[in-house]
Amino acid sequence: MFKRKRRDSRRSTEKDAPPRRLIRRALGGLGLCAVLALALWGLNRPIRAVTVSGEFHHVAPLAVEQAVASAAAGSGILTVNLAAVRASVDALPWVAHASVRRLWPHTLVVRVHEQTAFARWDGDGLVNRAGDLFLAQAAVVPPGLPSLSGPDGTAAQVTRRYLRMSGELAPEGFVIASLALSARGTWEFTLGNGIAVRLGRSQFEARFEKFVNVALAIVKQRAGDISYIDMRYMNGFAIGWRANAPQDNSSAQRAGGGRDA
């Protein structure tokens, strides 16, 4: 009986050993976490400075600093949400995109890239070369920009067409002052000399190429006499002459075949 009790005692001790080891490991892990948390707290210094750089023409550096301060309020240098700070700066007018990084012990470094206005959109709006409408109503519109317009959501489409058309007309010495897409889907552009060119809804590419290859020769000869050119004819085009301009019968004959959409 006595020997049996001794064996039971040893078994009990062996059963109790693993839980004690687990407890010691858990305590050790907690201690390590506490040390790491203390270290993080010591390194997570308050943000005391914001460095802003970039080529500024329309964006105020002070506005960038205020956007950073708002997004980073209450955060330390290690815990600040850089994505949130960047989004706050990106939301500012005229900002194309920004980059944000930490500079220990207490500084955020912000690099700002401004938008470049390529054209006006629907009056006071501004689009970049990709056709992104980055300002729906600009307080200041840079001078000399072409004018583009169209229904909501068509800025990129109109910009792409403007770029392609300008690329074909530039070697001929002409610029496009405006390009408009109406709510009905009709296209019309105006040259820098004031001549309006009506392309209509259908066969846009064919009509524009016909203008470049045929009608442009008449524009070069008599630009001062022409008010508009209507390319919506199946077998040619029509010319609208300015008041008191000498009529050109040969040009009128090019508009045969009836007008299309």
C-alpha atoms as a PDB file:
ATOM      1  CA  MET A   1       0.000   0.000   0.000  1.00  0.00           C
ATOM      2  CA  PHE A   2       2.790   2.424   0.887  1.00  0.00           C
ATOM      3  CA  LYS A   3       4.651   1.777  -2.401  1.00  0.00           C
ATOM      4  CA  ARG A   4       1.484   2.342  -4.413  1.00  0.00           C
ATOM      5  CA  LYS A   5       0.985   5.721  -2.849  1.00  0.00           C
ATOM      6  CA  ARG A   6       4.525   6.744  -3.770  1.00  0.00           C
ATOM      7  CA  ARG A   7       3.879   5.868  -7.422  1.00  0.00           C
ATOM      8  CA  ASP A   8       0.642   7.872  -7.392  1.00  0.00           C
ATOM      9  CA  SER A   9       2.522  10.830  -5.960  1.00  0.00           C
ATOM     10  CA  ARG A  10       5.072  10.739  -8.727  1.00  0.00           C
ATOM     11  CA  ARG A  11       2.309  10.564 -11.330  1.00  0.00           C
ATOM     12  CA  SER A  12       0.594  13.576  -9.785  1.00  0.00           C
ATOM     13  CA  THR A  13       3.820  15.578  -9.897  1.00  0.00           C
ATOM     14  CA  GLU A  14       4.381  14.662 -13.523  1.00  0.00           C
ATOM     15  CA  LYS A  15       0.822  15.744 -14.385  1.00  0.00           C
ATOM     16  CA  ASP A  16       1.259  19.099 -12.638  1.00  0.00           C
ATOM     17  CA  ALA A  17       4.569  19.924 -14.381  1.00  0.00           C
ATOM     18  CA  PRO A  18       3.264  20.788 -17.914  1.00  0.00           C
ATOM     19  CA  PRO A  19       0.715  23.404 -16.726  1.00  0.00           C
ATOM     20  CA  ARG A  20       3.409  25.111 -14.711  1.00  0.00           C
ATOM     21  CA  ARG A  21       5.676  25.244 -17.731  1.00  0.00           C
ATOM     22  CA  LEU A  22       2.849  26.708 -19.812  1.00  0.00           C
ATOM     23  CA  ILE A  23       2.207  29.336 -17.177  1.00  0.00           C
ATOM     24  CA  ARG A  24       5.880  30.274 -17.072  1.00  0.00           C
ATOM     25  CA  ARG A  25       5.954  30.560 -20.870  1.00  0.00           C
ATOM     26  CA  ALA A  26       2.800  32.663 -20.904  1.00  0.00           C
ATOM     27  CA  LEU A  27       4.228  34.963 -18.287  1.00  0.00           C
ATOM     28  CA  GLY A  28       7.441  35.219 -20.249  1.00  0.00           C
ATOM     29  CA  GLY A  29       5.455  36.073 -23.397  1.00  0.00           C
ATOM     30  CA  LEU A  30       3.507  38.713 -21.549  1.00  0.00           C
ATOM     31  CA  GLY A  31       6.711  40.162 -20.249  1.00  0.00           C
ATOM     32  CA  LEU A  32       8.154  40.330 -23.756  1.00  0.00           C
ATOM     33  CA  CYS A  33       4.995  42.002 -25.033  1.00  0.00           C
ATOM     34  CA  ALA A  34       5.190  44.505 -22.224  1.00  0.00           C
ATOM     35  CA  VAL A  35       8.803  45.276 -23.102  1.00  0.00           C
ATOM     36  CA  LEU A  36       7.922  45.697 -26.793  1.00  0.00           C
ATOM     37  CA  ALA A  37       4.923  47.885 -25.958  1.00  0.00           C
ATOM     38  CA  LEU A  38       7.103  50.016 -23.732  1.00  0.00           C
ATOM     39  CA  ALA A  39       9.692  50.324 -26.481  1.00  0.00           C
ATOM     40  CA  LEU A  40       7.014  51.231 -29.026  1.00  0.00           C
ATOM     41  CA  TRP A  41       5.598  53.835 -26.690  1.00  0.00           C
ATOM     42  CA  GLY A  42       9.046  55.292 -26.220  1.00  0.00           C
ATOM     43  CA  LEU A  43       9.724  55.432 -29.988  1.00  0.00           C
ATOM     44  CA  ASN A  44       6.274  56.669 -30.970  1.00  0.00           C
ATOM     45  CA  ARG A  45       7.112  60.330 -30.555  1.00  0.00           C
ATOM     46  CA  PRO A  46       4.494  63.039 -31.102  1.00  0.00           C
ATOM     47  CA  ILE A  47       4.504  64.567 -34.603  1.00  0.00           C
ATOM     48  CA  ARG A  48       6.013  68.007 -34.198  1.00  0.00           C
ATOM     49  CA  ALA A  49       6.931  69.009 -37.768  1.00  0.00           C
ATOM     50  CA  VAL A  50       5.655  68.640 -41.341  1.00  0.00           C
ATOM     51  CA  THR A  51       7.991  69.219 -44.267  1.00  0.00           C
ATOM     52  CA  VAL A  52       6.209  70.064 -47.547  1.00  0.00           C
ATOM     53  CA  SER A  53       7.928  70.169 -50.937  1.00  0.00           C
ATOM     54  CA  GLY A  54       6.886  70.479 -54.588  1.00  0.00           C
ATOM     55  CA  GLU A  55       6.505  73.038 -57.367  1.00  0.00           C
ATOM     56  CA  PHE A  56       3.657  75.217 -56.158  1.00  0.00           C
ATOM     57  CA  HIS A  57       1.661  77.342 -58.554  1.00  0.00           C
ATOM     58  CA  HIS A  58      -1.903  76.770 -57.382  1.00  0.00           C
ATOM     59  CA  VAL A  59      -1.549  74.778 -54.142  1.00  0.00           C
ATOM     60  CA  ALA A  60      -0.748  76.634 -50.916  1.00  0.00           C
ATOM     61  CA  PRO A  61       1.813  74.808 -48.719  1.00  0.00           C
ATOM     62  CA  LEU A  62      -0.108  76.017 -45.655  1.00  0.00           C
ATOM     63  CA  ALA A  63      -3.222  74.219 -46.920  1.00  0.00           C
ATOM     64  CA  VAL A  64      -1.155  71.028 -47.222  1.00  0.00           C
ATOM     65  CA  GLU A  65       0.117  71.397 -43.656  1.00  0.00           C
ATOM     66  CA  GLN A  66      -3.427  71.887 -42.383  1.00  0.00           C
ATOM     67  CA  ALA A  67      -4.658  68.791 -44.238  1.00  0.00           C
ATOM     68  CA  VAL A  68      -1.825  66.732 -42.729  1.00  0.00           C
ATOM     69  CA  ALA A  69      -2.500  68.065 -39.244  1.00  0.00           C
ATOM     70  CA  SER A  70      -6.183  67.180 -39.517  1.00  0.00           C
ATOM     71  CA  ALA A  71      -5.544  63.614 -40.727  1.00  0.00           C
ATOM     72  CA  ALA A  72      -2.713  62.935 -38.245  1.00  0.00           C
ATOM     73  CA  ALA A  73      -4.338  64.476 -35.157  1.00  0.00           C
ATOM     74  CA  GLY A  74      -3.693  62.407 -32.032  1.00  0.00           C
ATOM     75  CA  SER A  75      -1.235  60.044 -33.746  1.00  0.00           C
ATOM     76  CA  GLY A  76       2.438  59.446 -33.071  1.00  0.00           C
ATOM     77  CA  ILE A  77       5.165  59.152 -35.678  1.00  0.00           C
ATOM     78  CA  LEU A  78       4.911  55.321 -35.725  1.00  0.00           C
ATOM     79  CA  THR A  79       1.142  54.941 -35.441  1.00  0.00           C
ATOM     80  CA  VAL A  80       0.050  57.653 -37.870  1.00  0.00           C
ATOM     81  CA  ASN A  81      -1.987  56.345 -40.827  1.00  0.00           C
ATOM     82  CA  LEU A  82       0.064  57.438 -43.836  1.00  0.00           C
ATOM     83  CA  ALA A  83      -2.644  56.393 -46.304  1.00  0.00           C
ATOM     84  CA  ALA A  84      -5.175  58.619 -44.546  1.00  0.00           C
ATOM     85  CA  VAL A  85      -2.745  61.543 -44.538  1.00  0.00           C
ATOM     86  CA  ARG A  86      -2.032  61.079 -48.239  1.00  0.00           C
ATOM     87  CA  ALA A  87      -5.754  60.895 -49.058  1.00  0.00           C
ATOM     88  CA  SER A  88      -6.349  64.121 -47.148  1.00  0.00           C
ATOM     89  CA  VAL A  89      -3.702  65.932 -49.196  1.00  0.00           C
ATOM     90  CA  ASP A  90      -4.889  64.365 -52.477  1.00  0.00           C
ATOM     91  CA  ALA A  91      -8.354  65.799 -51.836  1.00  0.00           C
ATOM     92  CA  LEU A  92      -7.068  69.380 -52.023  1.00  0.00           C
ATOM     93  CA  PRO A  93      -7.860  71.373 -55.198  1.00  0.00           C
ATOM     94  CA  TRP A  94      -5.089  71.240 -57.834  1.00  0.00           C
ATOM     95  CA  VAL A  95      -3.310  68.291 -56.153  1.00  0.00           C
ATOM     96  CA  ALA A  96      -2.644  65.447 -58.597  1.00  0.00           C
ATOM     97  CA  HIS A  97      -1.101  63.134 -56.011  1.00  0.00           C
ATOM     98  CA  ALA A  98       1.071  63.259 -52.919  1.00  0.00           C
ATOM     99  CA  SER A  99       3.592  61.020 -51.190  1.00  0.00           C
ATOM    100  CA  VAL A 100       4.029  60.868 -47.410  1.00  0.00           C
ATOM    101  CA  ARG A 101       6.803  59.279 -45.337  1.00  0.00           C
ATOM    102  CA  ARG A 102       8.014  59.286 -41.743  1.00  0.00           C
ATOM    103  CA  LEU A 103      11.245  60.892 -40.649  1.00  0.00           C
ATOM    104  CA  TRP A 104      12.008  59.772 -37.090  1.00  0.00           C
ATOM    105  CA  PRO A 105      11.832  61.083 -34.457  1.00  0.00           C
ATOM    106  CA  HIS A 106       8.913  63.467 -35.085  1.00  0.00           C
ATOM    107  CA  THR A 107       8.582  64.652 -38.724  1.00  0.00           C
ATOM    108  CA  LEU A 108       6.291  63.832 -41.654  1.00  0.00           C
ATOM    109  CA  VAL A 109       7.727  64.526 -45.109  1.00  0.00           C
ATOM    110  CA  VAL A 110       5.150  65.342 -47.800  1.00  0.00           C
ATOM    111  CA  ARG A 111       5.854  65.682 -51.529  1.00  0.00           C
ATOM    112  CA  VAL A 112       3.077  67.282 -53.597  1.00  0.00           C
ATOM    113  CA  HIS A 113       2.583  67.017 -57.366  1.00  0.00           C
ATOM    114  CA  GLU A 114       0.199  69.582 -58.854  1.00  0.00           C
ATOM    115  CA  GLN A 115      -2.306  69.053 -61.630  1.00  0.00           C
ATOM    116  CA  THR A 116      -1.515  70.573 -65.023  1.00  0.00           C
ATOM    117  CA  ALA A 117      -4.572  72.122 -66.636  1.00  0.00           C
ATOM    118  CA  PHE A 118      -4.893  71.020 -70.250  1.00  0.00           C
ATOM    119  CA  ALA A 119      -8.280  72.456 -71.208  1.00  0.00           C
ATOM    120  CA  ARG A 120     -11.374  74.190 -69.881  1.00  0.00           C
ATOM    121  CA  TRP A 121     -14.403  71.990 -69.395  1.00  0.00           C
ATOM    122  CA  ASP A 122     -17.961  73.331 -69.700  1.00  0.00           C
ATOM    123  CA  GLY A 123     -16.903  76.878 -68.960  1.00  0.00           C
ATOM    124  CA  ASP A 124     -15.089  77.060 -65.634  1.00  0.00           C
ATOM    125  CA  GLY A 125     -14.097  73.412 -65.152  1.00  0.00           C
ATOM    126  CA  LEU A 126     -10.569  72.131 -65.766  1.00  0.00           C
ATOM    127  CA  VAL A 127      -9.335  68.812 -67.146  1.00  0.00           C
ATOM    128  CA  ASN A 128      -5.813  67.441 -67.360  1.00  0.00           C
ATOM    129  CA  ARG A 129      -4.297  65.791 -70.440  1.00  0.00           C
ATOM    130  CA  ALA A 130      -5.821  62.433 -69.480  1.00  0.00           C
ATOM    131  CA  GLY A 131      -9.279  63.993 -69.494  1.00  0.00           C
ATOM    132  CA  ASP A 132      -9.721  63.859 -65.724  1.00  0.00           C
ATOM    133  CA  LEU A 133     -12.023  66.611 -64.501  1.00  0.00           C
ATOM    134  CA  PHE A 134     -10.092  67.722 -61.429  1.00  0.00           C
ATOM    135  CA  LEU A 135     -11.954  70.999 -60.847  1.00  0.00           C
ATOM    136  CA  ALA A 136     -15.614  71.411 -61.714  1.00  0.00           C
ATOM    137  CA  GLN A 137     -15.522  75.155 -61.090  1.00  0.00           C
ATOM    138  CA  ALA A 138     -12.131  76.803 -60.932  1.00  0.00           C
ATOM    139  CA  ALA A 139     -11.741  80.161 -59.241  1.00  0.00           C
ATOM    140  CA  VAL A 140      -8.859  80.971 -61.601  1.00  0.00           C
ATOM    141  CA  VAL A 141      -8.650  79.590 -65.150  1.00  0.00           C
ATOM    142  CA  PRO A 142      -5.229  79.764 -66.850  1.00  0.00           C
ATOM    143  CA  PRO A 143      -5.366  81.773 -70.090  1.00  0.00           C
ATOM    144  CA  GLY A 144      -4.995  80.263 -73.542  1.00  0.00           C
ATOM    145  CA  LEU A 145      -6.608  76.886 -72.836  1.00  0.00           C
ATOM    146  CA  PRO A 146      -8.848  75.232 -75.441  1.00  0.00           C
ATOM    147  CA  SER A 147     -12.514  74.870 -74.541  1.00  0.00           C
ATOM    148  CA  LEU A 148     -14.041  71.372 -74.320  1.00  0.00           C
ATOM    149  CA  SER A 149     -17.598  70.461 -73.407  1.00  0.00           C
ATOM    150  CA  GLY A 150     -19.970  67.523 -73.295  1.00  0.00           C
ATOM    151  CA  PRO A 151     -22.467  65.625 -71.133  1.00  0.00           C
ATOM    152  CA  ASP A 152     -21.439  64.400 -67.668  1.00  0.00           C
ATOM    153  CA  GLY A 153     -18.880  61.600 -67.804  1.00  0.00           C
ATOM    154  CA  THR A 154     -17.581  62.369 -71.313  1.00  0.00           C
ATOM    155  CA  ALA A 155     -14.565  64.522 -70.443  1.00  0.00           C
ATOM    156  CA  ALA A 156     -12.056  61.750 -71.164  1.00  0.00           C
ATOM    157  CA  GLN A 157     -13.684  60.869 -74.496  1.00  0.00           C
ATOM    158  CA  VAL A 158     -13.802  64.484 -75.665  1.00  0.00           C
ATOM    159  CA  THR A 159     -10.202  65.084 -74.572  1.00  0.00           C
ATOM    160  CA  ARG A 160      -8.941  62.017 -76.475  1.00  0.00           C
ATOM    161  CA  ARG A 161     -10.655  63.161 -79.647  1.00  0.00           C
ATOM    162  CA  TYR A 162      -9.336  66.681 -79.239  1.00  0.00           C
ATOM    163  CA  LEU A 163      -5.771  65.373 -78.949  1.00  0.00           C
ATOM    164  CA  ARG A 164      -6.069  63.182 -82.032  1.00  0.00           C
ATOM    165  CA  MET A 165      -7.712  65.901 -84.122  1.00  0.00           C
ATOM    166  CA  SER A 166      -5.166  68.506 -83.018  1.00  0.00           C
ATOM    167  CA  GLY A 167      -2.369  66.137 -83.970  1.00  0.00           C
ATOM    168  CA  GLU A 168      -3.644  66.024 -87.553  1.00  0.00           C
ATOM    169  CA  LEU A 169      -4.326  69.730 -87.906  1.00  0.00           C
ATOM    170  CA  ALA A 170      -1.172  71.075 -86.257  1.00  0.00           C
ATOM    171  CA  PRO A 171       1.132  70.154 -89.205  1.00  0.00           C
ATOM    172  CA  GLU A 172      -1.250  72.128 -91.456  1.00  0.00           C
ATOM    173  CA  GLY A 173      -0.863  75.197 -89.278  1.00  0.00           C
ATOM    174  CA  PHE A 174      -4.275  75.081 -87.590  1.00  0.00           C
ATOM    175  CA  VAL A 175      -5.322  74.821 -83.958  1.00  0.00           C
ATOM    176  CA  ILE A 176      -8.651  73.795 -82.483  1.00  0.00           C
ATOM    177  CA  ALA A 177     -10.030  76.440 -80.148  1.00  0.00           C
ATOM    178  CA  SER A 178     -13.012  74.379 -78.994  1.00  0.00           C
ATOM    179  CA  LEU A 179     -14.597  70.943 -79.316  1.00  0.00           C
ATOM    180  CA  ALA A 180     -18.151  70.248 -78.192  1.00  0.00           C
ATOM    181  CA  LEU A 181     -20.249  67.091 -77.860  1.00  0.00           C
ATOM    182  CA  SER A 182     -23.943  67.911 -77.480  1.00  0.00           C
ATOM    183  CA  ALA A 183     -26.495  66.022 -75.404  1.00  0.00           C
ATOM    184  CA  ARG A 184     -27.854  64.638 -78.725  1.00  0.00           C
ATOM    185  CA  GLY A 185     -24.440  63.230 -79.580  1.00  0.00           C
ATOM    186  CA  THR A 186     -23.469  65.733 -82.278  1.00  0.00           C
ATOM    187  CA  TRP A 187     -19.878  66.934 -82.627  1.00  0.00           C
ATOM    188  CA  GLU A 188     -18.690  70.408 -83.597  1.00  0.00           C
ATOM    189  CA  PHE A 189     -15.310  72.103 -83.339  1.00  0.00           C
ATOM    190  CA  THR A 190     -14.066  75.621 -83.917  1.00  0.00           C
ATOM    191  CA  LEU A 191     -10.707  76.493 -85.406  1.00  0.00           C
ATOM    192  CA  GLY A 192      -8.487  79.168 -83.955  1.00  0.00           C
ATOM    193  CA  ASN A 193      -9.529  81.507 -86.792  1.00  0.00           C
ATOM    194  CA  GLY A 194     -13.181  81.254 -85.723  1.00  0.00           C
ATOM    195  CA  ILE A 195     -14.475  78.849 -88.400  1.00  0.00           C
ATOM    196  CA  ALA A 196     -16.956  76.317 -86.999  1.00  0.00           C
ATOM    197  CA  VAL A 197     -16.925  72.782 -88.402  1.00  0.00           C
ATOM    198  CA  ARG A 198     -20.039  70.637 -87.976  1.00  0.00           C
ATOM    199  CA  LEU A 199     -19.480  66.867 -87.941  1.00  0.00           C
ATOM    200  CA  GLY A 200     -22.857  65.609 -86.700  1.00  0.00           C
ATOM    201  CA  ARG A 201     -23.620  62.357 -84.851  1.00  0.00           C
ATOM    202  CA  SER A 202     -22.454  59.615 -87.219  1.00  0.00           C
ATOM    203  CA  GLN A 203     -19.372  58.834 -89.315  1.00  0.00           C
ATOM    204  CA  PHE A 204     -17.192  61.053 -87.179  1.00  0.00           C
ATOM    205  CA  GLU A 205     -13.858  59.663 -88.401  1.00  0.00           C
ATOM    206  CA  ALA A 206     -14.794  59.705 -92.085  1.00  0.00           C
ATOM    207  CA  ARG A 207     -16.150  63.238 -91.929  1.00  0.00           C
ATOM    208  CA  PHE A 208     -13.143  64.582 -90.090  1.00  0.00           C
ATOM    209  CA  GLU A 209     -10.762  62.966 -92.576  1.00  0.00           C
ATOM    210  CA  LYS A 210     -12.782  64.462 -95.445  1.00  0.00           C
ATOM    211  CA  PHE A 211     -12.438  67.865 -93.820  1.00  0.00           C
ATOM    212  CA  VAL A 212      -8.660  67.471 -93.496  1.00  0.00           C
ATOM    213  CA  ASN A 213      -8.131  66.067 -96.995  1.00  0.00           C
ATOM    214  CA  VAL A 214     -10.594  68.194 -98.987  1.00  0.00           C
ATOM    215  CA  ALA A 215     -12.237  71.118 -97.183  1.00  0.00           C
ATOM    216  CA  LEU A 216      -9.076  72.333 -95.464  1.00  0.00           C
ATOM    217  CA  ALA A 217      -7.643  73.450 -98.798  1.00  0.00           C
ATOM    218  CA  ILE A 218     -10.518  75.932 -99.201  1.00  0.00           C
ATOM    219  CA  VAL A 219     -10.065  77.109 -95.593  1.00  0.00           C
ATOM    220  CA  LYS A 220      -6.442  77.902 -96.357  1.00  0.00           C
ATOM    221  CA  GLN A 221      -7.446  79.955 -99.405  1.00  0.00           C
ATOM    222  CA  ARG A 222     -10.452  81.832 -98.021  1.00  0.00           C
ATOM    223  CA  ALA A 223     -10.407  81.601 -94.219  1.00  0.00           C
ATOM    224  CA  GLY A 224     -11.512  85.216 -93.822  1.00  0.00           C
ATOM    225  CA  ASP A 225     -14.679  84.626 -95.890  1.00  0.00           C
ATOM    226  CA  ILE A 226     -15.914  81.429 -94.211  1.00  0.00           C
ATOM    227  CA  SER A 227     -18.257  81.330 -91.227  1.00  0.00           C
ATOM    228  CA  TYR A 228     -18.785  77.548 -90.967  1.00  0.00           C
ATOM    229  CA  ILE A 229     -18.325  74.265 -92.816  1.00  0.00           C
ATOM    230  CA  ASP A 230     -20.993  71.570 -92.602  1.00  0.00           C
ATOM    231  CA  MET A 231     -19.572  68.083 -93.184  1.00  0.00           C
ATOM    232  CA  ARG A 232     -22.891  66.262 -92.710  1.00  0.00           C
ATOM    233  CA  TYR A 233     -23.509  65.699 -96.440  1.00  0.00           C
ATOM    234  CA  MET A 234     -23.234  62.292 -98.032  1.00  0.00           C
ATOM    235  CA  ASN A 235     -21.429  63.474-101.160  1.00  0.00           C
ATOM    236  CA  GLY A 236     -19.575  66.516 -99.930  1.00  0.00           C
ATOM    237  CA  PHE A 237     -19.900  69.456 -97.572  1.00  0.00           C
ATOM    238  CA  ALA A 238     -21.471  72.908 -97.389  1.00  0.00           C
ATOM    239  CA  ILE A 239     -19.790  76.217 -96.713  1.00  0.00           C
ATOM    240  CA  GLY A 240     -21.451  79.061 -94.864  1.00  0.00           C
ATOM    241  CA  TRP A 241     -20.004  82.320 -96.119  1.00  0.00           C
ATOM    242  CA  ARG A 242     -19.645  85.449 -94.046  1.00  0.00           C
ATOM    243  CA  ALA A 243     -21.688  88.511 -94.947  1.00  0.00           C
ATOM    244  CA  ASN A 244     -20.411  90.303 -98.073  1.00  0.00           C
ATOM    245  CA  ALA A 245     -18.019  87.433 -98.890  1.00  0.00           C
ATOM    246  CA  PRO A 246     -17.704  86.600-102.628  1.00  0.00           C
ATOM    247  CA  GLN A 247     -19.632  83.399-103.361  1.00  0.00           C
ATOM    248  CA  ASP A 248     -17.820  80.318-104.651  1.00  0.00           C
ATOM    249  CA  ASN A 249     -20.096  78.221-106.855  1.00  0.00           C
ATOM    250  CA  SER A 250     -17.605  75.390-107.112  1.00  0.00           C
ATOM    251  CA  SER A 251     -17.663  75.081-103.314  1.00  0.00           C
ATOM    252  CA  ALA A 252     -21.458  75.016-103.284  1.00  0.00           C
ATOM    253  CA  GLN A 253     -21.470  72.063-105.676  1.00  0.00           C
ATOM    254  CA  ARG A 254     -19.474  69.996-103.179  1.00  0.00           C
ATOM    255  CA  ALA A 255     -22.554  69.822-100.918  1.00  0.00           C
ATOM    256  CA  GLY A 256     -24.598  67.574-103.191  1.00  0.00           C
ATOM    257  CA  GLY A 257     -26.385  64.412-102.091  1.00  0.00           C
ATOM    258  CA  GLY A 258     -28.440  65.689 -99.140  1.00  0.00           C
ATOM    259  CA  ARG A 259     -27.504  66.204 -95.508  1.00  0.00           C
ATOM    260  CA  ASP A 260     -27.189  63.325 -93.041  1.00  0.00           C
ATOM    261  CA  ALA A 261     -27.273  63.226 -89.215  1.00  0.00           C
END
